[in-house]
N, C-alpha and C. Protein backbone atom coordinates (compact mmCIF):
# COMPACT_ATOMS: atom_id res chain seq x y z
N MET A 1 -9.25 22.27 6.37
CA MET A 1 -8.75 21.09 7.03
C MET A 1 -7.34 21.37 7.53
N ASP A 2 -7.04 20.86 8.70
CA ASP A 2 -5.72 21.00 9.29
C ASP A 2 -4.68 20.34 8.39
N GLU A 3 -3.56 21.03 8.19
CA GLU A 3 -2.51 20.54 7.30
C GLU A 3 -1.96 19.19 7.74
N GLN A 4 -1.94 18.93 9.04
CA GLN A 4 -1.41 17.65 9.53
C GLN A 4 -2.40 16.51 9.34
N ARG A 5 -3.67 16.82 9.27
CA ARG A 5 -4.68 15.76 9.19
C ARG A 5 -4.93 15.25 7.78
N ALA A 6 -4.62 16.02 6.77
CA ALA A 6 -4.91 15.61 5.39
C ALA A 6 -4.23 14.29 5.02
N PRO A 7 -2.92 14.12 5.27
CA PRO A 7 -2.31 12.83 4.93
C PRO A 7 -2.87 11.68 5.76
N LEU A 8 -3.17 11.94 7.03
CA LEU A 8 -3.76 10.89 7.85
C LEU A 8 -5.15 10.50 7.35
N LEU A 9 -5.90 11.49 6.89
CA LEU A 9 -7.21 11.22 6.31
C LEU A 9 -7.07 10.38 5.04
N ALA A 10 -6.12 10.75 4.18
CA ALA A 10 -5.89 9.98 2.96
C ALA A 10 -5.44 8.56 3.28
N LEU A 11 -4.60 8.42 4.27
CA LEU A 11 -4.13 7.10 4.69
C LEU A 11 -5.31 6.27 5.22
N GLY A 12 -6.11 6.87 6.07
CA GLY A 12 -7.27 6.16 6.63
C GLY A 12 -8.30 5.80 5.58
N LEU A 13 -8.59 6.73 4.69
CA LEU A 13 -9.55 6.44 3.62
C LEU A 13 -9.02 5.36 2.68
N GLY A 14 -7.75 5.41 2.37
CA GLY A 14 -7.16 4.39 1.52
C GLY A 14 -7.27 3.01 2.15
N LEU A 15 -6.94 2.92 3.43
CA LEU A 15 -7.06 1.64 4.12
C LEU A 15 -8.52 1.20 4.21
N GLY A 16 -9.42 2.16 4.43
CA GLY A 16 -10.84 1.84 4.48
C GLY A 16 -11.35 1.30 3.16
N PHE A 17 -10.96 1.93 2.06
CA PHE A 17 -11.35 1.44 0.75
C PHE A 17 -10.74 0.07 0.47
N ALA A 18 -9.50 -0.15 0.90
CA ALA A 18 -8.85 -1.44 0.69
C ALA A 18 -9.59 -2.54 1.44
N ILE A 19 -9.92 -2.29 2.68
CA ILE A 19 -10.64 -3.28 3.48
C ILE A 19 -12.03 -3.52 2.91
N ALA A 20 -12.73 -2.45 2.56
CA ALA A 20 -14.07 -2.60 1.98
C ALA A 20 -14.00 -3.36 0.65
N GLY A 21 -12.99 -3.07 -0.15
CA GLY A 21 -12.82 -3.77 -1.42
C GLY A 21 -12.62 -5.26 -1.22
N LEU A 22 -11.80 -5.62 -0.22
CA LEU A 22 -11.58 -7.04 0.05
C LEU A 22 -12.86 -7.73 0.54
N LEU A 23 -13.57 -7.07 1.45
CA LEU A 23 -14.81 -7.65 1.97
C LEU A 23 -15.85 -7.83 0.86
N LEU A 24 -15.98 -6.82 0.01
CA LEU A 24 -16.95 -6.91 -1.08
C LEU A 24 -16.52 -7.91 -2.15
N ALA A 25 -15.22 -8.02 -2.37
CA ALA A 25 -14.73 -9.04 -3.30
C ALA A 25 -15.05 -10.43 -2.76
N ALA A 26 -14.86 -10.62 -1.47
CA ALA A 26 -15.18 -11.92 -0.86
C ALA A 26 -16.68 -12.21 -0.98
N ALA A 27 -17.49 -11.17 -0.84
CA ALA A 27 -18.95 -11.36 -0.91
C ALA A 27 -19.41 -11.68 -2.33
N THR A 28 -18.75 -11.12 -3.34
CA THR A 28 -19.18 -11.35 -4.72
C THR A 28 -18.59 -12.61 -5.32
N GLY A 29 -17.49 -13.09 -4.79
CA GLY A 29 -16.94 -14.37 -5.21
C GLY A 29 -15.94 -14.29 -6.34
N GLU A 30 -15.47 -15.47 -6.69
CA GLU A 30 -14.41 -15.58 -7.70
C GLU A 30 -14.97 -15.50 -9.11
N PRO A 31 -14.14 -15.35 -10.11
CA PRO A 31 -12.69 -15.22 -10.05
C PRO A 31 -12.30 -13.82 -9.58
N TYR A 32 -11.23 -13.77 -8.81
CA TYR A 32 -10.78 -12.50 -8.25
C TYR A 32 -9.80 -11.80 -9.17
N LEU A 33 -8.80 -12.53 -9.61
CA LEU A 33 -7.76 -11.95 -10.46
C LEU A 33 -7.32 -13.04 -11.43
N ASP A 34 -7.88 -12.99 -12.61
CA ASP A 34 -7.66 -14.04 -13.60
C ASP A 34 -7.26 -13.38 -14.92
N THR A 35 -6.73 -14.14 -15.82
CA THR A 35 -6.35 -13.57 -17.12
C THR A 35 -7.57 -13.15 -17.93
N ASP A 36 -8.71 -13.76 -17.67
CA ASP A 36 -9.93 -13.43 -18.41
C ASP A 36 -10.78 -12.36 -17.74
N SER A 37 -10.72 -12.28 -16.43
CA SER A 37 -11.57 -11.32 -15.72
C SER A 37 -10.95 -10.90 -14.40
N VAL A 38 -11.42 -9.76 -13.93
CA VAL A 38 -10.97 -9.22 -12.64
C VAL A 38 -12.21 -8.82 -11.87
N ASN A 39 -12.27 -9.23 -10.63
CA ASN A 39 -13.35 -8.81 -9.76
C ASN A 39 -13.18 -7.30 -9.54
N PRO A 40 -14.21 -6.48 -9.82
CA PRO A 40 -14.05 -5.03 -9.68
C PRO A 40 -13.72 -4.59 -8.25
N TRP A 41 -14.12 -5.38 -7.27
CA TRP A 41 -13.80 -4.99 -5.89
C TRP A 41 -12.33 -5.20 -5.56
N VAL A 42 -11.67 -6.08 -6.29
CA VAL A 42 -10.24 -6.25 -6.13
C VAL A 42 -9.52 -5.00 -6.64
N VAL A 43 -10.08 -4.38 -7.66
CA VAL A 43 -9.53 -3.12 -8.18
C VAL A 43 -9.68 -2.02 -7.12
N VAL A 44 -10.82 -1.99 -6.44
CA VAL A 44 -11.03 -1.02 -5.35
C VAL A 44 -10.01 -1.26 -4.24
N PHE A 45 -9.77 -2.53 -3.92
CA PHE A 45 -8.75 -2.87 -2.93
C PHE A 45 -7.39 -2.33 -3.33
N ALA A 46 -7.00 -2.58 -4.58
CA ALA A 46 -5.69 -2.14 -5.07
C ALA A 46 -5.57 -0.62 -5.05
N ALA A 47 -6.63 0.07 -5.45
CA ALA A 47 -6.60 1.54 -5.45
C ALA A 47 -6.50 2.08 -4.02
N GLY A 48 -7.25 1.48 -3.11
CA GLY A 48 -7.20 1.92 -1.71
C GLY A 48 -5.83 1.69 -1.10
N LEU A 49 -5.25 0.52 -1.35
CA LEU A 49 -3.93 0.23 -0.82
C LEU A 49 -2.89 1.17 -1.42
N GLY A 50 -3.00 1.43 -2.72
CA GLY A 50 -2.07 2.37 -3.36
C GLY A 50 -2.17 3.76 -2.76
N ALA A 51 -3.38 4.22 -2.50
CA ALA A 51 -3.56 5.54 -1.88
C ALA A 51 -2.97 5.57 -0.48
N ALA A 52 -3.18 4.50 0.28
CA ALA A 52 -2.63 4.44 1.63
C ALA A 52 -1.11 4.44 1.61
N LEU A 53 -0.52 3.65 0.72
CA LEU A 53 0.94 3.62 0.63
C LEU A 53 1.49 4.97 0.17
N PHE A 54 0.79 5.61 -0.76
CA PHE A 54 1.25 6.91 -1.24
C PHE A 54 1.16 7.98 -0.14
N ALA A 55 0.17 7.91 0.71
CA ALA A 55 -0.03 8.91 1.76
C ALA A 55 0.92 8.70 2.95
N THR A 56 1.48 7.51 3.07
CA THR A 56 2.30 7.18 4.24
C THR A 56 3.46 8.13 4.49
N PRO A 57 4.32 8.45 3.50
CA PRO A 57 5.45 9.34 3.83
C PRO A 57 4.99 10.74 4.21
N PHE A 58 3.89 11.20 3.64
CA PHE A 58 3.38 12.52 3.98
C PHE A 58 2.87 12.55 5.41
N ALA A 59 2.20 11.48 5.83
CA ALA A 59 1.72 11.39 7.20
C ALA A 59 2.88 11.32 8.18
N ILE A 60 3.90 10.55 7.83
CA ILE A 60 5.07 10.44 8.70
C ILE A 60 5.78 11.78 8.81
N GLU A 61 5.98 12.45 7.67
CA GLU A 61 6.67 13.75 7.68
C GLU A 61 5.91 14.78 8.52
N ARG A 62 4.61 14.81 8.38
CA ARG A 62 3.82 15.78 9.14
C ARG A 62 3.90 15.52 10.64
N ARG A 63 3.99 14.26 11.04
CA ARG A 63 4.10 13.92 12.46
C ARG A 63 5.46 14.34 13.02
N MET A 64 6.48 14.45 12.16
CA MET A 64 7.83 14.82 12.60
C MET A 64 8.03 16.33 12.69
N ARG A 65 7.11 17.11 12.17
CA ARG A 65 7.32 18.56 12.10
C ARG A 65 7.54 19.21 13.45
N SER A 66 6.93 18.72 14.49
CA SER A 66 7.10 19.34 15.81
C SER A 66 8.46 18.99 16.43
N ARG A 67 9.05 17.89 16.00
CA ARG A 67 10.32 17.45 16.59
C ARG A 67 11.54 17.84 15.77
N ILE A 68 11.41 17.89 14.43
CA ILE A 68 12.54 18.16 13.55
C ILE A 68 12.21 19.39 12.71
N ALA A 69 12.99 20.44 12.90
CA ALA A 69 12.69 21.70 12.21
C ALA A 69 13.17 21.70 10.75
N GLU A 70 14.28 21.05 10.48
CA GLU A 70 14.86 21.08 9.13
C GLU A 70 14.09 20.16 8.18
N SER A 71 13.59 20.73 7.10
CA SER A 71 12.73 20.02 6.17
C SER A 71 13.44 18.84 5.49
N ASP A 72 14.67 19.04 5.02
CA ASP A 72 15.39 17.97 4.32
C ASP A 72 15.63 16.77 5.24
N ARG A 73 16.01 17.04 6.45
CA ARG A 73 16.26 15.98 7.42
C ARG A 73 14.96 15.22 7.73
N ARG A 74 13.89 15.97 7.86
CA ARG A 74 12.58 15.38 8.15
C ARG A 74 12.13 14.48 7.00
N TRP A 75 12.27 14.96 5.77
CA TRP A 75 11.85 14.17 4.61
C TRP A 75 12.72 12.93 4.42
N GLU A 76 14.01 13.07 4.69
CA GLU A 76 14.89 11.91 4.59
C GLU A 76 14.44 10.81 5.53
N ARG A 77 14.15 11.16 6.76
CA ARG A 77 13.68 10.18 7.74
C ARG A 77 12.31 9.62 7.37
N ALA A 78 11.45 10.48 6.87
CA ALA A 78 10.11 10.03 6.49
C ALA A 78 10.18 9.03 5.33
N LEU A 79 11.05 9.30 4.36
CA LEU A 79 11.17 8.39 3.22
C LEU A 79 11.83 7.08 3.62
N LEU A 80 12.76 7.12 4.54
CA LEU A 80 13.36 5.88 5.03
C LEU A 80 12.33 5.07 5.81
N ALA A 81 11.50 5.74 6.60
CA ALA A 81 10.43 5.05 7.32
C ALA A 81 9.42 4.46 6.33
N TRP A 82 9.14 5.19 5.25
CA TRP A 82 8.24 4.70 4.20
C TRP A 82 8.80 3.42 3.59
N GLY A 83 10.10 3.39 3.38
CA GLY A 83 10.74 2.19 2.86
C GLY A 83 10.61 1.02 3.83
N ALA A 84 10.78 1.29 5.13
CA ALA A 84 10.64 0.24 6.13
C ALA A 84 9.21 -0.29 6.17
N VAL A 85 8.24 0.60 6.12
CA VAL A 85 6.83 0.19 6.08
C VAL A 85 6.59 -0.67 4.84
N SER A 86 7.16 -0.26 3.72
CA SER A 86 6.96 -0.98 2.46
C SER A 86 7.60 -2.36 2.48
N VAL A 87 8.72 -2.50 3.16
CA VAL A 87 9.33 -3.83 3.30
C VAL A 87 8.39 -4.73 4.11
N GLY A 88 7.81 -4.20 5.17
CA GLY A 88 6.84 -4.97 5.94
C GLY A 88 5.63 -5.35 5.11
N VAL A 89 5.14 -4.42 4.29
CA VAL A 89 4.01 -4.70 3.41
C VAL A 89 4.40 -5.75 2.38
N LEU A 90 5.61 -5.68 1.86
CA LEU A 90 6.10 -6.66 0.89
C LEU A 90 6.12 -8.06 1.49
N VAL A 91 6.66 -8.18 2.69
CA VAL A 91 6.72 -9.48 3.36
C VAL A 91 5.30 -10.01 3.60
N ALA A 92 4.41 -9.14 4.07
CA ALA A 92 3.02 -9.56 4.31
C ALA A 92 2.35 -10.00 3.01
N GLY A 93 2.56 -9.25 1.94
CA GLY A 93 1.98 -9.61 0.65
C GLY A 93 2.52 -10.92 0.13
N PHE A 94 3.82 -11.12 0.28
CA PHE A 94 4.43 -12.37 -0.18
C PHE A 94 3.88 -13.56 0.61
N LEU A 95 3.83 -13.43 1.93
CA LEU A 95 3.32 -14.52 2.75
C LEU A 95 1.84 -14.80 2.46
N LEU A 96 1.07 -13.76 2.30
CA LEU A 96 -0.35 -13.93 1.98
C LEU A 96 -0.51 -14.57 0.61
N GLY A 97 0.30 -14.15 -0.34
CA GLY A 97 0.24 -14.72 -1.68
C GLY A 97 0.61 -16.18 -1.71
N VAL A 98 1.67 -16.55 -1.00
CA VAL A 98 2.10 -17.94 -0.95
C VAL A 98 1.03 -18.78 -0.24
N ALA A 99 0.48 -18.27 0.84
CA ALA A 99 -0.55 -19.00 1.57
C ALA A 99 -1.82 -19.16 0.72
N GLY A 100 -2.09 -18.18 -0.12
CA GLY A 100 -3.30 -18.21 -0.94
C GLY A 100 -3.10 -18.75 -2.34
N ASP A 101 -1.94 -19.35 -2.61
CA ASP A 101 -1.65 -19.90 -3.94
C ASP A 101 -1.86 -18.83 -5.01
N TRP A 102 -0.96 -17.87 -5.04
CA TRP A 102 -1.15 -16.69 -5.88
C TRP A 102 -1.09 -16.95 -7.36
N ALA A 103 -0.73 -18.13 -7.76
CA ALA A 103 -0.78 -18.46 -9.19
C ALA A 103 -2.21 -18.68 -9.65
N SER A 104 -3.09 -18.89 -8.70
CA SER A 104 -4.50 -19.14 -9.02
C SER A 104 -5.33 -17.89 -8.80
N GLY A 105 -6.14 -17.53 -9.78
CA GLY A 105 -7.00 -16.36 -9.63
C GLY A 105 -8.25 -16.64 -8.84
N SER A 106 -8.42 -17.88 -8.39
CA SER A 106 -9.63 -18.23 -7.67
C SER A 106 -9.51 -18.00 -6.17
N SER A 107 -8.34 -17.62 -5.69
CA SER A 107 -8.13 -17.39 -4.27
C SER A 107 -8.05 -15.89 -3.99
N LEU A 108 -8.88 -15.43 -3.08
CA LEU A 108 -8.84 -14.01 -2.72
C LEU A 108 -7.52 -13.67 -2.03
N ALA A 109 -7.05 -14.58 -1.18
CA ALA A 109 -5.76 -14.34 -0.52
C ALA A 109 -4.63 -14.26 -1.54
N GLY A 110 -4.67 -15.12 -2.52
CA GLY A 110 -3.64 -15.08 -3.55
C GLY A 110 -3.68 -13.81 -4.37
N ALA A 111 -4.89 -13.39 -4.75
CA ALA A 111 -5.04 -12.15 -5.52
C ALA A 111 -4.58 -10.95 -4.70
N ALA A 112 -4.98 -10.91 -3.43
CA ALA A 112 -4.56 -9.80 -2.56
C ALA A 112 -3.05 -9.82 -2.37
N GLY A 113 -2.48 -11.02 -2.20
CA GLY A 113 -1.04 -11.13 -2.04
C GLY A 113 -0.27 -10.62 -3.24
N VAL A 114 -0.75 -10.95 -4.44
CA VAL A 114 -0.11 -10.46 -5.67
C VAL A 114 -0.16 -8.94 -5.72
N LEU A 115 -1.32 -8.37 -5.46
CA LEU A 115 -1.46 -6.91 -5.56
C LEU A 115 -0.66 -6.19 -4.48
N ILE A 116 -0.67 -6.72 -3.27
CA ILE A 116 0.11 -6.12 -2.19
C ILE A 116 1.59 -6.16 -2.54
N THR A 117 2.06 -7.29 -3.04
CA THR A 117 3.47 -7.44 -3.40
C THR A 117 3.85 -6.47 -4.52
N ILE A 118 3.02 -6.37 -5.53
CA ILE A 118 3.31 -5.45 -6.64
C ILE A 118 3.39 -4.02 -6.15
N GLU A 119 2.44 -3.61 -5.32
CA GLU A 119 2.45 -2.22 -4.85
C GLU A 119 3.64 -1.94 -3.95
N ALA A 120 4.01 -2.90 -3.11
CA ALA A 120 5.19 -2.71 -2.26
C ALA A 120 6.46 -2.63 -3.10
N VAL A 121 6.55 -3.45 -4.14
CA VAL A 121 7.72 -3.41 -5.03
C VAL A 121 7.79 -2.06 -5.75
N LEU A 122 6.65 -1.52 -6.14
CA LEU A 122 6.65 -0.19 -6.78
C LEU A 122 7.18 0.88 -5.83
N VAL A 123 6.76 0.83 -4.57
CA VAL A 123 7.25 1.79 -3.59
C VAL A 123 8.75 1.61 -3.37
N LEU A 124 9.17 0.36 -3.21
CA LEU A 124 10.60 0.10 -2.99
C LEU A 124 11.44 0.47 -4.21
N GLY A 125 10.89 0.31 -5.40
CA GLY A 125 11.57 0.77 -6.61
C GLY A 125 11.74 2.28 -6.60
N THR A 126 10.70 2.96 -6.15
CA THR A 126 10.79 4.42 -6.01
C THR A 126 11.87 4.79 -5.01
N MET A 127 11.94 4.04 -3.92
CA MET A 127 12.97 4.30 -2.90
C MET A 127 14.37 4.06 -3.48
N ALA A 128 14.53 3.02 -4.26
CA ALA A 128 15.83 2.73 -4.86
C ALA A 128 16.27 3.85 -5.80
N VAL A 129 15.34 4.35 -6.61
CA VAL A 129 15.66 5.45 -7.50
C VAL A 129 16.05 6.68 -6.69
N TRP A 130 15.30 6.95 -5.63
CA TRP A 130 15.60 8.10 -4.77
C TRP A 130 17.00 7.98 -4.16
N LEU A 131 17.32 6.78 -3.64
CA LEU A 131 18.63 6.60 -3.02
C LEU A 131 19.77 6.66 -4.03
N LEU A 132 19.56 6.10 -5.22
CA LEU A 132 20.62 6.11 -6.22
C LEU A 132 20.81 7.47 -6.89
N SER A 133 19.77 8.30 -6.86
CA SER A 133 19.88 9.61 -7.50
C SER A 133 20.66 10.59 -6.63
N GLY A 134 20.87 10.24 -5.38
CA GLY A 134 21.68 11.08 -4.50
C GLY A 134 20.89 12.18 -3.93
């Protein structure tokens, strides 16, 4: 497999699994994310989204290789872009969660919003550690 395509493939597969997980969770019904039970398709959604978010900086870095020769400079820009993407994902997750009443496990939008927000916060926490470590 082409070295540039692997992260894009991981990103695409992650998004595909996330979308499929949401569709299948909607088809199987509630409860989606409750203290007593979790819809297994919501777990597939979370895993797919996590894979997509994890693959994002690698895909961005690979796309920059033809324009930026220096590896450190390329990675710095890719990680900053990853942070920007994650802020957008955080805002989307928060808005989706609020719209779906995320305190309730009976709403698919609320469950998705909670998971999206958590995963975006994990990425942004990683970014904060990276920036503070120098």
